[in-house]
């Protein structure tokens, strides 16, 4: 009304938006995201070293996310080892002893 549009037009547009809301976010998306969240939570609880090794491998090069994930892993009592000549690989490696830092994460 303030912008010069008739109330009927704004009502029609609002009705279209409501109809789209039912269609715009299908249940398939919700189910997919909830399944991914469930699987990630399961892995984080039952295989934490492997979970963090893979998460850290996916954020190589992003120092903020790497530091955040390392802090979170330490809070979960996951030992983060420095690079090891025999145990480290290009990606982060999970072992019984903890997680070994990726050779790909070494700068310089």
Protein backbone atom coordinates (compact mmCIF):
# COMPACT_ATOMS: atom_id res chain seq x y z
CA UNK A 1 0.00 0.00 0.00
CA UNK A 2 2.80 2.41 0.92
CA UNK A 3 4.59 1.65 -2.37
CA UNK A 4 1.47 2.23 -4.44
CA UNK A 5 0.35 -1.37 -4.95
CA UNK A 6 -3.23 -2.50 -4.45
CA UNK A 7 -3.95 -4.69 -1.45
CA UNK A 8 -5.39 -7.37 -3.70
CA UNK A 9 -2.14 -7.61 -5.66
CA UNK A 10 -0.04 -7.89 -2.51
CA UNK A 11 -2.45 -10.54 -1.19
CA UNK A 12 -2.13 -12.53 -4.43
CA UNK A 13 1.66 -12.34 -4.29
CA UNK A 14 1.65 -13.47 -0.67
CA UNK A 15 -0.59 -16.43 -1.59
CA UNK A 16 1.86 -17.41 -4.35
CA UNK A 17 4.74 -17.27 -1.88
CA UNK A 18 2.87 -19.53 0.53
CA UNK A 19 2.14 -22.06 -2.22
CA UNK A 20 5.79 -22.03 -3.26
CA UNK A 21 6.92 -22.61 0.33
CA UNK A 22 5.27 -26.04 0.22
CA UNK A 23 7.01 -26.85 -3.05
CA UNK A 24 10.26 -24.91 -2.64
CA UNK A 25 11.83 -27.12 0.02
CA UNK A 26 10.85 -30.69 -0.81
CA UNK A 27 10.90 -33.38 1.78
CA UNK A 28 13.58 -35.15 -0.23
CA UNK A 29 16.03 -32.40 0.70
CA UNK A 30 15.06 -32.60 4.34
CA UNK A 31 15.45 -36.37 4.34
CA UNK A 32 18.82 -36.18 2.57
CA UNK A 33 20.22 -33.63 4.99
CA UNK A 34 18.94 -35.49 8.02
CA UNK A 35 20.49 -38.74 6.75
CA UNK A 36 23.85 -37.03 6.23
CA UNK A 37 23.64 -35.50 9.72
CA UNK A 38 22.80 -38.90 11.23
CA UNK A 39 25.72 -40.63 9.48
CA UNK A 40 28.19 -37.90 10.47
CA UNK A 41 27.02 -38.00 14.08
CA UNK A 42 27.35 -41.79 14.15
CA UNK A 43 30.90 -41.60 12.79
CA UNK A 44 31.84 -38.80 15.18
CA UNK A 45 30.63 -40.83 18.18
CA UNK A 46 31.85 -44.31 17.21
CA UNK A 47 34.96 -43.52 15.12
CA UNK A 48 36.11 -40.09 16.29
CA UNK A 49 39.74 -40.29 15.12
CA UNK A 50 38.66 -41.29 11.61
CA UNK A 51 35.94 -38.65 11.62
CA UNK A 52 38.37 -35.85 12.53
CA UNK A 53 41.08 -37.13 10.17
CA UNK A 54 38.65 -36.90 7.27
CA UNK A 55 37.17 -33.56 8.31
CA UNK A 56 40.67 -32.12 8.69
CA UNK A 57 41.69 -33.53 5.30
CA UNK A 58 38.79 -31.65 3.73
CA UNK A 59 39.80 -28.29 5.20
CA UNK A 60 43.53 -28.36 4.36
CA UNK A 61 44.50 -24.81 3.47
CA UNK A 62 41.80 -23.20 5.60
CA UNK A 63 43.66 -22.34 8.80
CA UNK A 64 40.58 -21.11 10.65
CA UNK A 65 38.61 -24.32 10.10
CA UNK A 66 41.69 -26.49 10.68
CA UNK A 67 42.38 -24.85 14.04
CA UNK A 68 38.72 -25.09 15.02
CA UNK A 69 38.58 -28.82 14.17
CA UNK A 70 41.87 -29.56 15.95
CA UNK A 71 40.60 -27.82 19.10
CA UNK A 72 37.34 -29.78 18.91
CA UNK A 73 39.23 -33.06 18.42
CA UNK A 74 41.40 -32.33 21.46
CA UNK A 75 38.27 -31.62 23.52
CA UNK A 76 37.09 -35.09 22.50
CA UNK A 77 40.41 -36.50 23.80
CA UNK A 78 41.75 -37.27 20.32
CA UNK A 79 45.54 -36.94 20.29
CA UNK A 80 46.81 -34.83 17.40
CA UNK A 81 50.36 -35.87 16.49
CA UNK A 82 52.78 -33.78 14.47
CA UNK A 83 53.90 -34.93 11.04
CA UNK A 84 55.62 -38.32 11.17
CA UNK A 85 58.03 -39.50 8.49
CA UNK A 86 56.60 -43.04 8.50
CA UNK A 87 52.96 -42.52 9.48
CA UNK A 88 51.86 -39.26 7.87
CA UNK A 89 50.44 -39.14 4.36
CA UNK A 90 49.16 -36.39 2.08
CA UNK A 91 45.84 -36.49 3.98
CA UNK A 92 45.42 -36.64 7.77
CA UNK A 93 45.78 -40.22 9.04
CA UNK A 94 43.79 -41.82 11.86
CA UNK A 95 45.41 -44.57 13.91
CA UNK A 96 44.89 -46.16 17.30
CA UNK A 97 47.25 -43.51 18.72
CA UNK A 98 45.26 -40.57 17.33
CA UNK A 99 45.48 -38.40 14.22
CA UNK A 100 48.70 -37.61 12.38
CA UNK A 101 48.97 -34.23 10.70
CA UNK A 102 48.84 -34.26 6.93
CA UNK A 103 51.98 -33.69 4.90
CA UNK A 104 49.78 -31.53 2.68
CA UNK A 105 49.11 -29.21 5.59
CA UNK A 106 52.80 -28.38 6.09
CA UNK A 107 53.60 -24.90 4.87
CA UNK A 108 56.86 -23.83 3.37
